[in-house]
């Protein structure tokens, strides 16, 4: 599962860069107020003023947009886990995609999906996997997954939940 979760107590990860951008923006605006100007150019507003405003306004807007996008992905995943169909998948193969986030590599898995109606379907699925889980995964493993009833290509694979033969 690859949902992004806020880590409580890590507010400073957002506060430090925003504080730096705010201070730089204020310094630039103070320099503009004290007479620092750029020569007349094609730009409709003085570039120094524009730069100061940009340093103050855009970092919080960018962070808010990023957090909203991440939250939207989390809501989709939570909805799929709540309303989806629990199925069993068999890992046929897996390859690296070359992408890592927080040292968790993204892998592309080829899965044999055992549908509730008794049929099987081979699908490709990309997800980020913990290094601890990655070390335990190998072709032939059975995993738990939740599939969207309307689109079997949309799924959440629980890579940490191997199904043992005794289960």
N, C-alpha and C. Protein backbone atom coordinates (compact mmCIF):
# COMPACT_ATOMS: atom_id res chain seq x y z
N UNK A 1 0.84 -1.16 0.00
CA UNK A 1 0.00 0.00 0.00
C UNK A 1 0.89 1.23 0.00
N UNK A 2 0.45 2.24 -0.70
CA UNK A 2 1.33 3.38 -0.88
C UNK A 2 0.70 4.71 -0.49
N UNK A 3 -0.19 4.70 0.46
CA UNK A 3 -0.83 5.93 0.87
C UNK A 3 0.15 6.79 1.66
N UNK A 4 0.08 8.09 1.43
CA UNK A 4 0.93 9.02 2.15
C UNK A 4 0.26 9.35 3.47
N UNK A 5 1.00 9.31 4.52
CA UNK A 5 0.48 9.64 5.84
C UNK A 5 1.35 10.72 6.48
N UNK A 6 0.70 11.70 7.09
CA UNK A 6 1.42 12.73 7.82
C UNK A 6 1.97 12.12 9.10
N UNK A 7 3.21 12.42 9.41
CA UNK A 7 3.84 11.91 10.62
C UNK A 7 3.67 12.98 11.70
N UNK A 8 2.90 12.68 12.74
CA UNK A 8 2.68 13.67 13.80
C UNK A 8 4.00 14.16 14.40
N UNK A 9 4.08 15.46 14.65
CA UNK A 9 5.28 16.04 15.24
C UNK A 9 6.31 16.46 14.21
N UNK A 10 6.02 16.29 12.93
CA UNK A 10 6.98 16.65 11.88
C UNK A 10 6.57 17.94 11.16
N UNK A 11 5.89 18.84 11.87
CA UNK A 11 5.45 20.10 11.30
C UNK A 11 6.62 20.93 10.79
N UNK A 12 7.79 20.75 11.40
CA UNK A 12 8.96 21.55 11.04
C UNK A 12 9.44 21.25 9.61
N UNK A 13 9.08 20.07 9.08
CA UNK A 13 9.47 19.75 7.70
C UNK A 13 8.83 20.75 6.74
N UNK A 14 7.62 21.22 7.06
CA UNK A 14 6.96 22.23 6.24
C UNK A 14 7.34 23.64 6.67
N UNK A 15 7.56 23.84 7.96
CA UNK A 15 7.80 25.19 8.48
C UNK A 15 9.15 25.76 8.07
N UNK A 16 10.19 24.95 8.05
CA UNK A 16 11.53 25.47 7.76
C UNK A 16 11.61 26.07 6.35
N UNK A 17 11.26 25.34 5.28
CA UNK A 17 11.38 25.98 3.95
C UNK A 17 10.42 27.16 3.78
N UNK A 18 9.22 27.08 4.36
CA UNK A 18 8.30 28.21 4.23
C UNK A 18 8.81 29.44 4.95
N UNK A 19 9.44 29.24 6.09
CA UNK A 19 10.03 30.37 6.82
C UNK A 19 11.16 31.00 6.02
N UNK A 20 11.99 30.18 5.42
CA UNK A 20 13.10 30.70 4.60
C UNK A 20 12.55 31.51 3.42
N UNK A 21 11.56 30.95 2.71
CA UNK A 21 10.98 31.68 1.58
C UNK A 21 10.31 32.97 2.03
N UNK A 22 9.63 32.95 3.16
CA UNK A 22 8.98 34.15 3.68
C UNK A 22 10.00 35.23 4.01
N UNK A 23 11.09 34.85 4.68
CA UNK A 23 12.14 35.83 5.04
C UNK A 23 12.78 36.41 3.78
N UNK A 24 13.10 35.56 2.82
CA UNK A 24 13.71 36.05 1.57
C UNK A 24 12.74 36.99 0.86
N UNK A 25 11.45 36.62 0.80
CA UNK A 25 10.46 37.48 0.16
C UNK A 25 10.35 38.82 0.85
N UNK A 26 10.36 38.83 2.17
CA UNK A 26 10.28 40.09 2.92
C UNK A 26 11.52 40.95 2.67
N UNK A 27 12.69 40.33 2.65
CA UNK A 27 13.93 41.08 2.38
C UNK A 27 13.88 41.69 0.99
N UNK A 28 13.40 40.95 0.01
CA UNK A 28 13.30 41.48 -1.35
C UNK A 28 12.31 42.64 -1.40
N UNK A 29 11.16 42.48 -0.73
CA UNK A 29 10.18 43.58 -0.71
C UNK A 29 10.71 44.81 0.02
N UNK A 30 11.48 44.60 1.09
CA UNK A 30 12.10 45.74 1.78
C UNK A 30 13.12 46.43 0.87
N UNK A 31 13.88 45.65 0.12
CA UNK A 31 14.83 46.25 -0.83
C UNK A 31 14.09 47.04 -1.90
N UNK A 32 12.97 46.52 -2.35
CA UNK A 32 12.16 47.24 -3.34
C UNK A 32 11.62 48.54 -2.74
N UNK A 33 11.15 48.46 -1.49
CA UNK A 33 10.61 49.66 -0.83
C UNK A 33 11.69 50.71 -0.60
N UNK A 34 12.94 50.28 -0.49
CA UNK A 34 14.05 51.22 -0.27
C UNK A 34 14.70 51.66 -1.56
N UNK A 35 14.06 51.39 -2.70
CA UNK A 35 14.55 51.97 -3.94
C UNK A 35 15.18 51.01 -4.93
N UNK A 36 15.31 49.74 -4.62
CA UNK A 36 15.89 48.80 -5.59
C UNK A 36 14.88 48.56 -6.70
N UNK A 37 15.24 48.93 -7.90
CA UNK A 37 14.36 48.77 -9.05
C UNK A 37 15.14 48.14 -10.20
N UNK A 38 14.41 47.50 -11.08
CA UNK A 38 15.05 46.97 -12.30
C UNK A 38 14.76 47.93 -13.44
N UNK A 39 15.62 47.94 -14.43
CA UNK A 39 15.37 48.84 -15.57
C UNK A 39 14.07 48.46 -16.29
N UNK A 40 13.54 49.38 -17.04
CA UNK A 40 12.31 49.10 -17.79
C UNK A 40 12.53 47.95 -18.75
N UNK A 41 11.64 46.95 -18.64
CA UNK A 41 11.72 45.78 -19.52
C UNK A 41 10.34 45.48 -20.05
N UNK A 42 10.21 44.38 -20.74
CA UNK A 42 8.93 43.96 -21.31
C UNK A 42 7.95 43.48 -20.24
N UNK A 43 8.48 43.16 -19.04
CA UNK A 43 7.64 42.60 -18.00
C UNK A 43 6.70 43.67 -17.48
N UNK A 44 5.41 43.38 -17.28
CA UNK A 44 4.45 44.42 -16.92
C UNK A 44 4.62 45.01 -15.51
N UNK A 45 5.37 44.34 -14.64
CA UNK A 45 5.56 44.86 -13.28
C UNK A 45 7.06 44.80 -12.99
N UNK A 46 7.51 45.55 -12.05
CA UNK A 46 8.93 45.52 -11.70
C UNK A 46 9.31 44.12 -11.24
N UNK A 47 10.40 43.57 -11.77
CA UNK A 47 10.79 42.20 -11.47
C UNK A 47 11.13 41.99 -10.00
N UNK A 48 11.68 42.97 -9.34
CA UNK A 48 12.03 42.83 -7.93
C UNK A 48 10.76 42.68 -7.10
N UNK A 49 9.75 43.50 -7.38
CA UNK A 49 8.47 43.39 -6.68
C UNK A 49 7.83 42.02 -6.95
N UNK A 50 7.84 41.60 -8.21
CA UNK A 50 7.26 40.31 -8.58
C UNK A 50 7.99 39.17 -7.87
N UNK A 51 9.32 39.25 -7.79
CA UNK A 51 10.10 38.20 -7.14
C UNK A 51 9.77 38.12 -5.65
N UNK A 52 9.64 39.26 -4.98
CA UNK A 52 9.31 39.26 -3.56
C UNK A 52 7.94 38.65 -3.31
N UNK A 53 6.97 39.03 -4.13
CA UNK A 53 5.62 38.48 -3.99
C UNK A 53 5.63 36.98 -4.26
N UNK A 54 6.39 36.56 -5.26
CA UNK A 54 6.47 35.14 -5.61
C UNK A 54 7.03 34.31 -4.46
N UNK A 55 8.08 34.79 -3.81
CA UNK A 55 8.68 34.08 -2.68
C UNK A 55 7.72 33.94 -1.51
N UNK A 56 6.81 34.88 -1.36
CA UNK A 56 5.88 34.83 -0.24
C UNK A 56 4.63 34.02 -0.57
N UNK A 57 4.10 34.14 -1.78
CA UNK A 57 2.80 33.56 -2.11
C UNK A 57 2.88 32.12 -2.60
N UNK A 58 3.81 31.81 -3.48
CA UNK A 58 3.78 30.50 -4.15
C UNK A 58 4.16 29.29 -3.30
N UNK A 59 5.11 29.35 -2.38
CA UNK A 59 5.39 28.14 -1.57
C UNK A 59 4.18 27.62 -0.79
N UNK A 60 3.40 28.48 -0.09
CA UNK A 60 2.22 27.91 0.58
C UNK A 60 1.18 27.37 -0.40
N UNK A 61 1.01 28.04 -1.55
CA UNK A 61 0.06 27.55 -2.55
C UNK A 61 0.49 26.19 -3.10
N UNK A 62 1.78 26.05 -3.39
CA UNK A 62 2.31 24.79 -3.90
C UNK A 62 2.14 23.68 -2.86
N UNK A 63 2.45 23.98 -1.61
CA UNK A 63 2.31 22.98 -0.55
C UNK A 63 0.85 22.57 -0.37
N UNK A 64 -0.06 23.54 -0.39
CA UNK A 64 -1.48 23.21 -0.26
C UNK A 64 -1.95 22.34 -1.41
N UNK A 65 -1.53 22.65 -2.64
CA UNK A 65 -1.92 21.83 -3.80
C UNK A 65 -1.36 20.42 -3.69
N UNK A 66 -0.12 20.31 -3.25
CA UNK A 66 0.50 18.99 -3.09
C UNK A 66 -0.23 18.17 -2.02
N UNK A 67 -0.52 18.78 -0.89
CA UNK A 67 -1.22 18.06 0.18
C UNK A 67 -2.63 17.65 -0.24
N UNK A 68 -3.32 18.50 -1.00
CA UNK A 68 -4.64 18.13 -1.49
C UNK A 68 -4.58 16.95 -2.46
N UNK A 69 -3.56 16.95 -3.33
CA UNK A 69 -3.39 15.84 -4.28
C UNK A 69 -3.10 14.54 -3.53
N UNK A 70 -2.23 14.60 -2.55
CA UNK A 70 -1.91 13.40 -1.76
C UNK A 70 -3.13 12.93 -0.99
N UNK A 71 -3.89 13.85 -0.43
CA UNK A 71 -5.09 13.48 0.32
C UNK A 71 -6.13 12.82 -0.59
N UNK A 72 -6.26 13.35 -1.81
CA UNK A 72 -7.21 12.78 -2.76
C UNK A 72 -6.83 11.33 -3.08
N UNK A 73 -5.54 11.06 -3.25
CA UNK A 73 -5.08 9.69 -3.49
C UNK A 73 -5.36 8.80 -2.29
N UNK A 74 -5.18 9.33 -1.09
CA UNK A 74 -5.48 8.56 0.13
C UNK A 74 -6.97 8.24 0.23
N UNK A 75 -7.81 9.20 -0.12
CA UNK A 75 -9.26 8.97 -0.06
C UNK A 75 -9.65 7.88 -1.05
N UNK A 76 -9.07 7.92 -2.26
CA UNK A 76 -9.37 6.87 -3.25
C UNK A 76 -8.96 5.50 -2.73
N UNK A 77 -7.77 5.43 -2.12
CA UNK A 77 -7.30 4.14 -1.61
C UNK A 77 -8.15 3.66 -0.44
N UNK A 78 -8.51 4.57 0.46
CA UNK A 78 -9.37 4.19 1.59
C UNK A 78 -10.74 3.72 1.12
N UNK A 79 -11.29 4.39 0.10
CA UNK A 79 -12.58 3.98 -0.45
C UNK A 79 -12.47 2.60 -1.09
N UNK A 80 -11.39 2.37 -1.79
CA UNK A 80 -11.18 1.06 -2.42
C UNK A 80 -11.03 -0.03 -1.37
N UNK A 81 -10.31 0.25 -0.30
CA UNK A 81 -10.17 -0.74 0.77
C UNK A 81 -11.50 -1.02 1.47
N UNK A 82 -12.33 0.01 1.60
CA UNK A 82 -13.61 -0.15 2.28
C UNK A 82 -14.67 -0.83 1.39
N UNK A 83 -14.74 -0.39 0.11
CA UNK A 83 -15.82 -0.84 -0.77
C UNK A 83 -15.39 -1.87 -1.80
N UNK A 84 -14.11 -2.16 -1.88
CA UNK A 84 -13.62 -3.08 -2.90
C UNK A 84 -13.88 -4.54 -2.55
N UNK A 85 -13.57 -5.38 -3.51
CA UNK A 85 -13.76 -6.82 -3.35
C UNK A 85 -12.43 -7.44 -2.91
N UNK A 86 -12.39 -8.10 -1.74
CA UNK A 86 -11.14 -8.75 -1.33
C UNK A 86 -10.90 -9.98 -2.21
N UNK A 87 -9.69 -10.05 -2.76
CA UNK A 87 -9.31 -11.16 -3.63
C UNK A 87 -7.92 -11.64 -3.25
N UNK A 88 -7.55 -12.74 -3.84
CA UNK A 88 -6.21 -13.29 -3.68
C UNK A 88 -5.49 -13.14 -5.03
N UNK A 89 -4.25 -12.70 -4.98
CA UNK A 89 -3.46 -12.59 -6.20
C UNK A 89 -2.20 -13.44 -6.05
N UNK A 90 -1.71 -13.92 -7.18
CA UNK A 90 -0.46 -14.68 -7.20
C UNK A 90 0.55 -13.83 -7.92
N UNK A 91 1.69 -13.60 -7.30
CA UNK A 91 2.76 -12.80 -7.88
C UNK A 91 3.46 -13.64 -8.95
N UNK A 92 3.37 -13.19 -10.21
CA UNK A 92 4.02 -13.91 -11.30
C UNK A 92 5.44 -13.41 -11.53
N UNK A 93 5.60 -12.09 -11.53
CA UNK A 93 6.94 -11.51 -11.70
C UNK A 93 6.92 -10.09 -11.17
N UNK A 94 8.09 -9.56 -10.92
CA UNK A 94 8.20 -8.17 -10.48
C UNK A 94 9.49 -7.57 -11.02
N UNK A 95 9.40 -6.30 -11.40
CA UNK A 95 10.55 -5.57 -11.92
C UNK A 95 10.62 -4.20 -11.27
N UNK A 96 11.82 -3.66 -11.21
CA UNK A 96 12.01 -2.31 -10.67
C UNK A 96 11.59 -1.29 -11.71
N UNK A 97 11.05 -0.18 -11.24
CA UNK A 97 10.74 0.92 -12.16
C UNK A 97 11.82 1.99 -12.12
N UNK A 98 12.67 1.95 -11.11
CA UNK A 98 13.72 2.96 -10.98
C UNK A 98 13.32 4.13 -10.10
N UNK A 99 12.10 4.13 -9.62
CA UNK A 99 11.62 5.22 -8.76
C UNK A 99 11.64 4.78 -7.30
N UNK A 100 12.10 5.65 -6.44
CA UNK A 100 12.03 5.38 -5.00
C UNK A 100 11.49 6.62 -4.30
N UNK A 101 10.73 6.41 -3.25
CA UNK A 101 10.23 7.49 -2.41
C UNK A 101 10.53 7.09 -0.98
N UNK A 102 11.30 7.91 -0.28
CA UNK A 102 11.71 7.62 1.10
C UNK A 102 12.33 6.23 1.21
N UNK A 103 13.19 5.91 0.28
CA UNK A 103 13.90 4.63 0.20
C UNK A 103 12.99 3.44 -0.02
N UNK A 104 11.75 3.66 -0.39
CA UNK A 104 10.85 2.56 -0.75
C UNK A 104 10.78 2.51 -2.27
N UNK A 105 11.27 1.42 -2.87
CA UNK A 105 11.26 1.34 -4.33
C UNK A 105 9.86 1.08 -4.88
N UNK A 106 9.63 1.62 -6.06
CA UNK A 106 8.39 1.31 -6.77
C UNK A 106 8.67 0.09 -7.64
N UNK A 107 7.80 -0.89 -7.57
CA UNK A 107 7.97 -2.07 -8.40
C UNK A 107 6.72 -2.26 -9.24
N UNK A 108 6.92 -2.86 -10.40
CA UNK A 108 5.80 -3.24 -11.25
C UNK A 108 5.66 -4.74 -11.13
N UNK A 109 4.47 -5.16 -10.72
CA UNK A 109 4.22 -6.59 -10.51
C UNK A 109 3.27 -7.10 -11.58
N UNK A 110 3.54 -8.29 -12.04
CA UNK A 110 2.59 -8.99 -12.89
C UNK A 110 1.88 -9.98 -11.97
N UNK A 111 0.57 -9.84 -11.89
CA UNK A 111 -0.21 -10.60 -10.93
C UNK A 111 -1.27 -11.43 -11.64
N UNK A 112 -1.50 -12.63 -11.13
CA UNK A 112 -2.63 -13.43 -11.56
C UNK A 112 -3.73 -13.19 -10.53
N UNK A 113 -4.79 -12.56 -11.00
CA UNK A 113 -5.88 -12.15 -10.14
C UNK A 113 -6.95 -13.22 -10.16
N UNK A 114 -7.23 -13.80 -8.99
CA UNK A 114 -8.29 -14.81 -8.85
C UNK A 114 -9.59 -14.09 -8.55
N UNK A 115 -10.44 -13.95 -9.55
CA UNK A 115 -11.69 -13.21 -9.41
C UNK A 115 -12.70 -14.00 -8.58
N UNK A 116 -13.62 -13.29 -7.92
CA UNK A 116 -14.62 -13.97 -7.08
C UNK A 116 -15.52 -14.93 -7.86
N UNK A 117 -15.71 -14.68 -9.17
CA UNK A 117 -16.57 -15.56 -9.97
C UNK A 117 -15.85 -16.84 -10.42
N UNK A 118 -14.61 -17.00 -9.98
CA UNK A 118 -13.85 -18.21 -10.29
C UNK A 118 -12.86 -18.06 -11.43
N UNK A 119 -12.92 -16.98 -12.18
CA UNK A 119 -12.00 -16.76 -13.28
C UNK A 119 -10.69 -16.17 -12.81
N UNK A 120 -9.73 -16.16 -13.70
CA UNK A 120 -8.43 -15.53 -13.41
C UNK A 120 -8.14 -14.51 -14.49
N UNK A 121 -7.33 -13.56 -14.13
CA UNK A 121 -6.95 -12.50 -15.06
C UNK A 121 -5.54 -12.05 -14.70
N UNK A 122 -4.71 -11.83 -15.69
CA UNK A 122 -3.35 -11.35 -15.46
C UNK A 122 -3.36 -9.83 -15.60
N UNK A 123 -2.87 -9.14 -14.56
CA UNK A 123 -2.83 -7.68 -14.55
C UNK A 123 -1.43 -7.21 -14.15
N UNK A 124 -1.13 -5.99 -14.55
CA UNK A 124 0.11 -5.34 -14.11
C UNK A 124 -0.28 -4.27 -13.10
N UNK A 125 0.52 -4.18 -12.04
CA UNK A 125 0.21 -3.24 -10.97
C UNK A 125 1.52 -2.65 -10.46
N UNK A 126 1.54 -1.33 -10.30
CA UNK A 126 2.71 -0.64 -9.73
C UNK A 126 2.38 -0.18 -8.33
N UNK A 127 3.36 -0.35 -7.43
CA UNK A 127 3.18 0.15 -6.08
C UNK A 127 4.55 0.30 -5.42
N UNK A 128 4.57 1.10 -4.35
CA UNK A 128 5.77 1.26 -3.56
C UNK A 128 5.76 0.20 -2.49
N UNK A 129 6.92 -0.42 -2.27
CA UNK A 129 7.01 -1.54 -1.35
C UNK A 129 8.12 -1.27 -0.35
N UNK A 130 7.84 -1.52 0.91
CA UNK A 130 8.86 -1.40 1.94
C UNK A 130 10.00 -2.37 1.63
N UNK A 131 11.21 -1.98 1.95
CA UNK A 131 12.35 -2.87 1.72
C UNK A 131 12.22 -4.17 2.50
N UNK A 132 11.60 -4.12 3.68
CA UNK A 132 11.40 -5.34 4.45
C UNK A 132 10.44 -6.29 3.74
N UNK A 133 9.37 -5.73 3.16
CA UNK A 133 8.42 -6.56 2.43
C UNK A 133 9.02 -7.06 1.12
N UNK A 134 9.82 -6.21 0.48
CA UNK A 134 10.42 -6.59 -0.81
C UNK A 134 11.34 -7.79 -0.65
N UNK A 135 12.04 -7.87 0.47
CA UNK A 135 12.95 -8.99 0.69
C UNK A 135 12.21 -10.31 0.82
N UNK A 136 10.93 -10.26 1.24
CA UNK A 136 10.16 -11.48 1.43
C UNK A 136 9.38 -11.91 0.18
N UNK A 137 9.23 -11.00 -0.78
CA UNK A 137 8.42 -11.30 -1.96
C UNK A 137 9.21 -12.09 -3.00
N UNK A 138 8.56 -13.06 -3.59
CA UNK A 138 9.16 -13.80 -4.69
C UNK A 138 8.04 -14.34 -5.58
N UNK A 139 8.33 -14.59 -6.85
CA UNK A 139 7.29 -15.12 -7.74
C UNK A 139 6.69 -16.40 -7.17
N UNK A 140 5.38 -16.50 -7.30
CA UNK A 140 4.65 -17.63 -6.76
C UNK A 140 3.97 -17.33 -5.45
N UNK A 141 4.33 -16.22 -4.80
CA UNK A 141 3.70 -15.85 -3.53
C UNK A 141 2.25 -15.45 -3.75
N UNK A 142 1.43 -15.79 -2.78
CA UNK A 142 0.03 -15.38 -2.80
C UNK A 142 -0.13 -14.21 -1.84
N UNK A 143 -0.82 -13.17 -2.31
CA UNK A 143 -1.01 -11.94 -1.54
C UNK A 143 -2.48 -11.58 -1.46
N UNK A 144 -2.83 -10.82 -0.45
CA UNK A 144 -4.18 -10.28 -0.35
C UNK A 144 -4.25 -8.98 -1.14
N UNK A 145 -5.38 -8.74 -1.77
CA UNK A 145 -5.59 -7.51 -2.53
C UNK A 145 -7.06 -7.13 -2.43
N UNK A 146 -7.33 -5.88 -2.75
CA UNK A 146 -8.69 -5.39 -2.83
C UNK A 146 -8.85 -4.77 -4.21
N UNK A 147 -9.90 -5.19 -4.92
CA UNK A 147 -10.10 -4.78 -6.31
C UNK A 147 -11.36 -3.94 -6.42
N UNK A 148 -11.30 -2.92 -7.26
CA UNK A 148 -12.47 -2.11 -7.56
C UNK A 148 -13.46 -2.97 -8.34
N UNK A 149 -14.72 -3.05 -7.90
CA UNK A 149 -15.68 -3.90 -8.61
C UNK A 149 -15.97 -3.42 -10.03
N UNK A 150 -15.79 -2.12 -10.29
CA UNK A 150 -16.07 -1.58 -11.63
C UNK A 150 -14.87 -1.67 -12.56
N UNK A 151 -13.66 -1.66 -12.01
CA UNK A 151 -12.45 -1.67 -12.83
C UNK A 151 -11.40 -2.55 -12.15
N UNK A 152 -11.26 -3.81 -12.59
CA UNK A 152 -10.30 -4.72 -11.93
C UNK A 152 -8.84 -4.28 -12.04
N UNK A 153 -8.55 -3.31 -12.90
CA UNK A 153 -7.18 -2.82 -12.98
C UNK A 153 -6.83 -1.91 -11.80
N UNK A 154 -7.85 -1.35 -11.15
CA UNK A 154 -7.63 -0.53 -9.95
C UNK A 154 -7.66 -1.44 -8.74
N UNK A 155 -6.54 -1.50 -8.05
CA UNK A 155 -6.47 -2.39 -6.89
C UNK A 155 -5.47 -1.88 -5.89
N UNK A 156 -5.59 -2.41 -4.69
CA UNK A 156 -4.61 -2.18 -3.64
C UNK A 156 -4.10 -3.56 -3.25
N UNK A 157 -2.77 -3.74 -3.36
CA UNK A 157 -2.15 -5.02 -3.01
C UNK A 157 -1.47 -4.86 -1.67
N UNK A 158 -1.79 -5.72 -0.73
CA UNK A 158 -1.17 -5.69 0.58
C UNK A 158 0.10 -6.54 0.52
N UNK A 159 1.21 -5.88 0.17
CA UNK A 159 2.46 -6.63 -0.01
C UNK A 159 3.01 -7.17 1.31
N UNK A 160 2.53 -6.64 2.42
CA UNK A 160 3.01 -7.13 3.71
C UNK A 160 2.21 -8.33 4.20
N UNK A 161 1.15 -8.69 3.48
CA UNK A 161 0.28 -9.80 3.93
C UNK A 161 0.40 -10.99 2.97
N UNK A 162 1.42 -11.78 3.19
CA UNK A 162 1.58 -13.02 2.43
C UNK A 162 0.58 -14.04 2.94
N UNK A 163 0.02 -14.81 2.03
CA UNK A 163 -0.89 -15.87 2.41
C UNK A 163 -0.09 -17.17 2.44
N UNK A 164 -0.01 -17.76 3.59
CA UNK A 164 0.74 -19.01 3.75
C UNK A 164 -0.15 -20.18 3.39
N UNK A 165 0.45 -21.30 3.06
CA UNK A 165 -0.29 -22.50 2.70
C UNK A 165 -1.18 -22.99 3.83
N UNK A 166 -0.80 -22.73 5.08
CA UNK A 166 -1.59 -23.19 6.21
C UNK A 166 -2.82 -22.32 6.44
N UNK A 167 -2.87 -21.11 5.79
CA UNK A 167 -4.02 -20.20 5.97
C UNK A 167 -5.25 -20.71 5.27
